Amino acid sequence: MSGMRKGRLFVIAGPSGAGKGTLRTMALSGIEDLVYSVSCTTRQPREGERDGVDYHFVTERDFEDKVAGGLFLEHAVVHGCCYGTLLESVERETDAGKDVLLEIDVQGARQIREILPESVLIFIAPPSLDALEKRLRRRKTESEDKIALRLENAKKEMALSSEYDRIIVNDNLEQACEELRDLILSSRKVEKA
């Protein structure tokens, strides 16, 4: 068992509405031994989201207890809600030799970079702020105030994209997915060489 490869952490981050969730789902369906780490959040589920699949939906009290217990690898407050990645679930998968894909915000990605510098950080960018605004409006899940907040945050997040190992502009979904898959697979090849 000692010769078993330890899994690697791949982190995708970027503005709300950049297409992270869609790209994650597409990449996961095409790569063996790649698992998604389901984050905890205090926000309410959106239509179609399932507890334990899309997120672990928890109360603020439960979230605070997890923070106090040191159970998160990273955690942050984003758009007024709390989000966090459970350390135990990531370690379980990487110890079993599986690569783990995290979909988190830029604050969490910074924390991961400090704790696990060998992680691969991937920034998913929209083609433009105008395109991002159109995507957010098409979702019809946020009020005007929330859309304005998400666009303001997107500007700040995009300014941090140079801190990432790779930037993928999600202009064409299939092409962006191919870039993400290629990056993950090529990281594995480099590891074996």
C-alpha atoms as a PDB file:
ATOM      1  CA  MET A   1       0.000   0.000   0.000  1.00  0.00           C
ATOM      2  CA  SER A   2       2.970   2.348   0.536  1.00  0.00           C
ATOM      3  CA  GLY A   3       3.544   2.829  -3.202  1.00  0.00           C
ATOM      4  CA  MET A   4       0.037   4.143  -3.786  1.00  0.00           C
ATOM      5  CA  ARG A   5      -0.235   7.556  -5.418  1.00  0.00           C
ATOM      6  CA  LYS A   6      -1.758  10.264  -3.259  1.00  0.00           C
ATOM      7  CA  GLY A   7      -4.487  12.199  -5.001  1.00  0.00           C
ATOM      8  CA  ARG A   8      -4.105  15.821  -5.992  1.00  0.00           C
ATOM      9  CA  LEU A   9      -6.317  18.801  -5.337  1.00  0.00           C
ATOM     10  CA  PHE A  10      -7.680  20.806  -8.275  1.00  0.00           C
ATOM     11  CA  VAL A  11      -9.397  24.052  -7.330  1.00  0.00           C
ATOM     12  CA  ILE A  12     -11.704  25.936  -9.662  1.00  0.00           C
ATOM     13  CA  ALA A  13     -12.718  29.436  -8.658  1.00  0.00           C
ATOM     14  CA  GLY A  14     -14.059  32.519 -10.350  1.00  0.00           C
ATOM     15  CA  PRO A  15     -16.975  34.920 -10.359  1.00  0.00           C
ATOM     16  CA  SER A  16     -20.542  33.832  -9.739  1.00  0.00           C
ATOM     17  CA  GLY A  17     -22.086  33.058 -13.137  1.00  0.00           C
ATOM     18  CA  ALA A  18     -18.787  32.224 -14.881  1.00  0.00           C
ATOM     19  CA  GLY A  19     -19.951  28.615 -15.414  1.00  0.00           C
ATOM     20  CA  LYS A  20     -17.879  26.827 -12.755  1.00  0.00           C
ATOM     21  CA  GLY A  21     -20.638  24.362 -11.865  1.00  0.00           C
ATOM     22  CA  THR A  22     -21.371  23.412 -15.457  1.00  0.00           C
ATOM     23  CA  LEU A  23     -17.670  22.939 -16.256  1.00  0.00           C
ATOM     24  CA  ARG A  24     -17.149  20.898 -13.087  1.00  0.00           C
ATOM     25  CA  THR A  25     -20.031  18.566 -13.967  1.00  0.00           C
ATOM     26  CA  MET A  26     -18.771  18.088 -17.530  1.00  0.00           C
ATOM     27  CA  ALA A  27     -15.167  17.447 -16.424  1.00  0.00           C
ATOM     28  CA  LEU A  28     -16.193  14.940 -13.754  1.00  0.00           C
ATOM     29  CA  SER A  29     -18.141  12.864 -16.262  1.00  0.00           C
ATOM     30  CA  GLY A  30     -15.055  12.440 -18.430  1.00  0.00           C
ATOM     31  CA  ILE A  31     -12.209  11.749 -15.986  1.00  0.00           C
ATOM     32  CA  GLU A  32     -11.624   8.583 -14.013  1.00  0.00           C
ATOM     33  CA  ASP A  33     -10.603   8.827 -10.336  1.00  0.00           C
ATOM     34  CA  LEU A  34     -11.653  12.466 -10.114  1.00  0.00           C
ATOM     35  CA  VAL A  35     -14.197  13.247  -7.395  1.00  0.00           C
ATOM     36  CA  TYR A  36     -16.034  16.387  -6.427  1.00  0.00           C
ATOM     37  CA  SER A  37     -15.802  17.635  -2.863  1.00  0.00           C
ATOM     38  CA  VAL A  38     -19.261  18.834  -1.825  1.00  0.00           C
ATOM     39  CA  SER A  39     -18.961  22.121   0.103  1.00  0.00           C
ATOM     40  CA  CYS A  40     -21.038  23.207   3.088  1.00  0.00           C
ATOM     41  CA  THR A  41     -23.081  26.389   2.818  1.00  0.00           C
ATOM     42  CA  THR A  42     -25.515  28.390   4.901  1.00  0.00           C
ATOM     43  CA  ARG A  43     -27.329  29.747   1.832  1.00  0.00           C
ATOM     44  CA  GLN A  44     -30.726  28.445   0.776  1.00  0.00           C
ATOM     45  CA  PRO A  45     -30.832  25.819  -1.991  1.00  0.00           C
ATOM     46  CA  ARG A  46     -31.598  27.075  -5.488  1.00  0.00           C
ATOM     47  CA  GLU A  47     -34.222  25.286  -7.530  1.00  0.00           C
ATOM     48  CA  GLY A  48     -32.979  21.816  -8.505  1.00  0.00           C
ATOM     49  CA  GLU A  49     -30.092  21.754  -5.991  1.00  0.00           C
ATOM     50  CA  ARG A  50     -29.902  18.693  -3.752  1.00  0.00           C
ATOM     51  CA  ASP A  51     -28.484  18.457  -0.244  1.00  0.00           C
ATOM     52  CA  GLY A  52     -25.356  16.291  -0.191  1.00  0.00           C
ATOM     53  CA  VAL A  53     -24.998  16.446  -3.982  1.00  0.00           C
ATOM     54  CA  ASP A  54     -24.648  20.128  -4.853  1.00  0.00           C
ATOM     55  CA  TYR A  55     -23.921  21.362  -1.318  1.00  0.00           C
ATOM     56  CA  HIS A  56     -24.334  20.302   2.274  1.00  0.00           C
ATOM     57  CA  PHE A  57     -26.946  22.881   3.332  1.00  0.00           C
ATOM     58  CA  VAL A  58     -26.328  23.682   7.005  1.00  0.00           C
ATOM     59  CA  THR A  59     -27.495  26.202   9.589  1.00  0.00           C
ATOM     60  CA  GLU A  60     -25.261  29.096  10.629  1.00  0.00           C
ATOM     61  CA  ARG A  61     -24.899  27.476  14.065  1.00  0.00           C
ATOM     62  CA  ASP A  62     -23.785  24.161  12.543  1.00  0.00           C
ATOM     63  CA  PHE A  63     -21.321  26.014  10.310  1.00  0.00           C
ATOM     64  CA  GLU A  64     -19.873  27.954  13.261  1.00  0.00           C
ATOM     65  CA  ASP A  65     -19.487  24.683  15.211  1.00  0.00           C
ATOM     66  CA  LYS A  66     -17.531  23.174  12.294  1.00  0.00           C
ATOM     67  CA  VAL A  67     -15.271  26.270  12.142  1.00  0.00           C
ATOM     68  CA  ALA A  68     -14.682  26.114  15.918  1.00  0.00           C
ATOM     69  CA  GLY A  69     -13.908  22.389  15.647  1.00  0.00           C
ATOM     70  CA  GLY A  70     -11.304  22.981  12.908  1.00  0.00           C
ATOM     71  CA  LEU A  71     -13.230  20.748  10.499  1.00  0.00           C
ATOM     72  CA  PHE A  72     -12.794  22.945   7.405  1.00  0.00           C
ATOM     73  CA  LEU A  73      -9.847  22.933   5.009  1.00  0.00           C
ATOM     74  CA  GLU A  74     -11.011  26.408   3.957  1.00  0.00           C
ATOM     75  CA  HIS A  75     -14.029  28.569   4.638  1.00  0.00           C
ATOM     76  CA  ALA A  76     -15.241  32.038   3.726  1.00  0.00           C
ATOM     77  CA  VAL A  77     -18.203  34.383   3.729  1.00  0.00           C
ATOM     78  CA  VAL A  78     -19.319  35.051   0.159  1.00  0.00           C
ATOM     79  CA  HIS A  79     -22.279  37.247  -0.858  1.00  0.00           C
ATOM     80  CA  GLY A  80     -23.417  37.208   2.780  1.00  0.00           C
ATOM     81  CA  CYS A  81     -23.463  33.397   3.148  1.00  0.00           C
ATOM     82  CA  CYS A  82     -20.884  31.004   4.602  1.00  0.00           C
ATOM     83  CA  TYR A  83     -19.135  28.345   2.503  1.00  0.00           C
ATOM     84  CA  GLY A  84     -16.567  25.741   3.538  1.00  0.00           C
ATOM     85  CA  THR A  85     -14.749  22.577   2.426  1.00  0.00           C
ATOM     86  CA  LEU A  86     -14.650  19.697   4.892  1.00  0.00           C
ATOM     87  CA  LEU A  87     -11.052  18.594   5.490  1.00  0.00           C
ATOM     88  CA  GLU A  88     -11.962  14.990   6.307  1.00  0.00           C
ATOM     89  CA  SER A  89     -13.791  14.383   3.010  1.00  0.00           C
ATOM     90  CA  VAL A  90     -10.864  15.752   0.950  1.00  0.00           C
ATOM     91  CA  GLU A  91      -8.250  13.722   2.871  1.00  0.00           C
ATOM     92  CA  ARG A  92     -10.311  10.529   2.578  1.00  0.00           C
ATOM     93  CA  GLU A  93     -10.344  10.796  -1.225  1.00  0.00           C
ATOM     94  CA  THR A  94      -6.720  11.919  -1.739  1.00  0.00           C
ATOM     95  CA  ASP A  95      -5.465   9.211   0.653  1.00  0.00           C
ATOM     96  CA  ALA A  96      -7.346   6.688  -1.522  1.00  0.00           C
ATOM     97  CA  GLY A  97      -5.397   7.943  -4.560  1.00  0.00           C
ATOM     98  CA  LYS A  98      -8.223   9.944  -6.085  1.00  0.00           C
ATOM     99  CA  ASP A  99      -7.879  13.484  -7.358  1.00  0.00           C
ATOM    100  CA  VAL A 100     -10.333  15.946  -5.828  1.00  0.00           C
ATOM    101  CA  LEU A 101     -11.997  18.840  -7.609  1.00  0.00           C
ATOM    102  CA  LEU A 102     -13.105  21.777  -5.471  1.00  0.00           C
ATOM    103  CA  GLU A 103     -15.392  24.525  -6.733  1.00  0.00           C
ATOM    104  CA  ILE A 104     -14.878  27.411  -4.326  1.00  0.00           C
ATOM    105  CA  ASP A 105     -14.542  31.185  -4.172  1.00  0.00           C
ATOM    106  CA  VAL A 106     -11.324  33.202  -4.470  1.00  0.00           C
ATOM    107  CA  GLN A 107     -10.953  33.624  -0.680  1.00  0.00           C
ATOM    108  CA  GLY A 108     -11.033  29.857  -0.233  1.00  0.00           C
ATOM    109  CA  ALA A 109      -8.636  29.344  -3.141  1.00  0.00           C
ATOM    110  CA  ARG A 110      -6.123  31.674  -1.451  1.00  0.00           C
ATOM    111  CA  GLN A 111      -6.399  29.645   1.766  1.00  0.00           C
ATOM    112  CA  ILE A 112      -5.838  26.402  -0.155  1.00  0.00           C
ATOM    113  CA  ARG A 113      -2.752  27.890  -1.882  1.00  0.00           C
ATOM    114  CA  GLU A 114      -1.242  28.689   1.536  1.00  0.00           C
ATOM    115  CA  ILE A 115      -2.058  25.329   3.142  1.00  0.00           C
ATOM    116  CA  LEU A 116      -1.466  23.060   0.102  1.00  0.00           C
ATOM    117  CA  PRO A 117       0.831  24.880  -2.348  1.00  0.00           C
ATOM    118  CA  GLU A 118       1.006  21.788  -4.586  1.00  0.00           C
ATOM    119  CA  SER A 119      -2.696  22.208  -5.432  1.00  0.00           C
ATOM    120  CA  VAL A 120      -3.585  23.283  -8.963  1.00  0.00           C
ATOM    121  CA  LEU A 121      -5.597  26.524  -8.960  1.00  0.00           C
ATOM    122  CA  ILE A 122      -7.734  27.221 -12.018  1.00  0.00           C
ATOM    123  CA  PHE A 123      -9.563  30.508 -12.528  1.00  0.00           C
ATOM    124  CA  ILE A 124     -12.762  30.292 -14.585  1.00  0.00           C
ATOM    125  CA  ALA A 125     -13.366  33.691 -16.193  1.00  0.00           C
ATOM    126  CA  PRO A 126     -16.349  34.954 -18.169  1.00  0.00           C
ATOM    127  CA  PRO A 127     -15.593  36.388 -21.624  1.00  0.00           C
ATOM    128  CA  SER A 128     -16.561  39.851 -20.289  1.00  0.00           C
ATOM    129  CA  LEU A 129     -18.463  41.536 -17.455  1.00  0.00           C
ATOM    130  CA  ASP A 130     -21.353  42.185 -19.866  1.00  0.00           C
ATOM    131  CA  ALA A 131     -21.570  38.469 -20.660  1.00  0.00           C
ATOM    132  CA  LEU A 132     -21.442  37.707 -16.946  1.00  0.00           C
ATOM    133  CA  GLU A 133     -24.305  40.100 -16.229  1.00  0.00           C
ATOM    134  CA  LYS A 134     -26.415  38.458 -18.959  1.00  0.00           C
ATOM    135  CA  ARG A 135     -25.731  34.999 -17.463  1.00  0.00           C
ATOM    136  CA  LEU A 136     -26.677  36.147 -13.964  1.00  0.00           C
ATOM    137  CA  ARG A 137     -29.917  37.676 -15.263  1.00  0.00           C
ATOM    138  CA  ARG A 138     -30.761  34.503 -17.252  1.00  0.00           C
ATOM    139  CA  ARG A 139     -30.482  32.416 -14.064  1.00  0.00           C
ATOM    140  CA  LYS A 140     -33.348  34.448 -12.546  1.00  0.00           C
ATOM    141  CA  THR A 141     -32.222  33.427  -9.043  1.00  0.00           C
ATOM    142  CA  GLU A 142     -31.133  36.816  -7.678  1.00  0.00           C
ATOM    143  CA  SER A 143     -32.644  40.237  -6.996  1.00  0.00           C
ATOM    144  CA  GLU A 144     -31.243  43.382  -8.657  1.00  0.00           C
ATOM    145  CA  ASP A 145     -29.277  44.134  -5.461  1.00  0.00           C
ATOM    146  CA  LYS A 146     -27.725  40.667  -5.462  1.00  0.00           C
ATOM    147  CA  ILE A 147     -26.834  40.902  -9.160  1.00  0.00           C
ATOM    148  CA  ALA A 148     -25.145  44.275  -8.530  1.00  0.00           C
ATOM    149  CA  LEU A 149     -23.226  42.785  -5.576  1.00  0.00           C
ATOM    150  CA  ARG A 150     -22.132  39.760  -7.626  1.00  0.00           C
ATOM    151  CA  LEU A 151     -20.931  41.999 -10.478  1.00  0.00           C
ATOM    152  CA  GLU A 152     -18.996  44.227  -8.059  1.00  0.00           C
ATOM    153  CA  ASN A 153     -17.398  41.130  -6.491  1.00  0.00           C
ATOM    154  CA  ALA A 154     -16.641  39.737  -9.974  1.00  0.00           C
ATOM    155  CA  LYS A 155     -14.505  42.796 -10.789  1.00  0.00           C
ATOM    156  CA  LYS A 156     -12.459  42.262  -7.617  1.00  0.00           C
ATOM    157  CA  GLU A 157     -12.184  38.500  -8.217  1.00  0.00           C
ATOM    158  CA  MET A 158     -11.056  38.916 -11.825  1.00  0.00           C
ATOM    159  CA  ALA A 159      -8.277  41.244 -10.648  1.00  0.00           C
ATOM    160  CA  LEU A 160      -6.861  38.275  -8.676  1.00  0.00           C
ATOM    161  CA  SER A 161      -6.792  35.852 -11.614  1.00  0.00           C
ATOM    162  CA  SER A 162      -3.005  36.233 -12.034  1.00  0.00           C
ATOM    163  CA  GLU A 163      -2.559  34.323  -8.730  1.00  0.00           C
ATOM    164  CA  TYR A 164      -3.809  31.138 -10.430  1.00  0.00           C
ATOM    165  CA  ASP A 165      -1.880  28.413 -12.236  1.00  0.00           C
ATOM    166  CA  ARG A 166      -4.225  28.642 -15.205  1.00  0.00           C
ATOM    167  CA  ILE A 167      -7.013  30.917 -16.440  1.00  0.00           C
ATOM    168  CA  ILE A 168      -9.758  29.371 -18.549  1.00  0.00           C
ATOM    169  CA  VAL A 169     -12.069  31.835 -20.294  1.00  0.00           C
ATOM    170  CA  ASN A 170     -15.498  30.245 -20.520  1.00  0.00           C
ATOM    171  CA  ASP A 171     -16.576  31.714 -23.834  1.00  0.00           C
ATOM    172  CA  ASN A 172     -17.285  28.377 -25.518  1.00  0.00           C
ATOM    173  CA  LEU A 173     -18.434  25.728 -23.035  1.00  0.00           C
ATOM    174  CA  GLU A 174     -17.103  22.678 -24.897  1.00  0.00           C
ATOM    175  CA  GLN A 175     -13.728  24.317 -25.483  1.00  0.00           C
ATOM    176  CA  ALA A 176     -13.458  25.464 -21.842  1.00  0.00           C
ATOM    177  CA  CYS A 177     -14.352  21.951 -20.651  1.00  0.00           C
ATOM    178  CA  GLU A 178     -11.705  20.454 -22.932  1.00  0.00           C
ATOM    179  CA  GLU A 179      -9.121  22.878 -21.495  1.00  0.00           C
ATOM    180  CA  LEU A 180     -10.085  21.891 -17.952  1.00  0.00           C
ATOM    181  CA  ARG A 181      -9.907  18.162 -18.731  1.00  0.00           C
ATOM    182  CA  ASP A 182      -6.559  18.551 -20.532  1.00  0.00           C
ATOM    183  CA  LEU A 183      -5.113  20.489 -17.586  1.00  0.00           C
ATOM    184  CA  ILE A 184      -6.150  17.810 -15.078  1.00  0.00           C
ATOM    185  CA  LEU A 185      -4.939  14.918 -17.251  1.00  0.00           C
ATOM    186  CA  SER A 186      -1.638  16.623 -18.135  1.00  0.00           C
ATOM    187  CA  SER A 187      -0.991  17.305 -14.420  1.00  0.00           C
ATOM    188  CA  ARG A 188      -1.271  13.573 -13.831  1.00  0.00           C
ATOM    189  CA  LYS A 189       1.231  12.801 -16.639  1.00  0.00           C
ATOM    190  CA  VAL A 190       3.786  15.263 -15.238  1.00  0.00           C
ATOM    191  CA  GLU A 191       3.417  13.583 -11.845  1.00  0.00           C
ATOM    192  CA  LYS A 192       4.180  10.137 -13.286  1.00  0.00           C
ATOM    193  CA  ALA A 193       7.183  11.274 -15.345  1.00  0.00           C
END
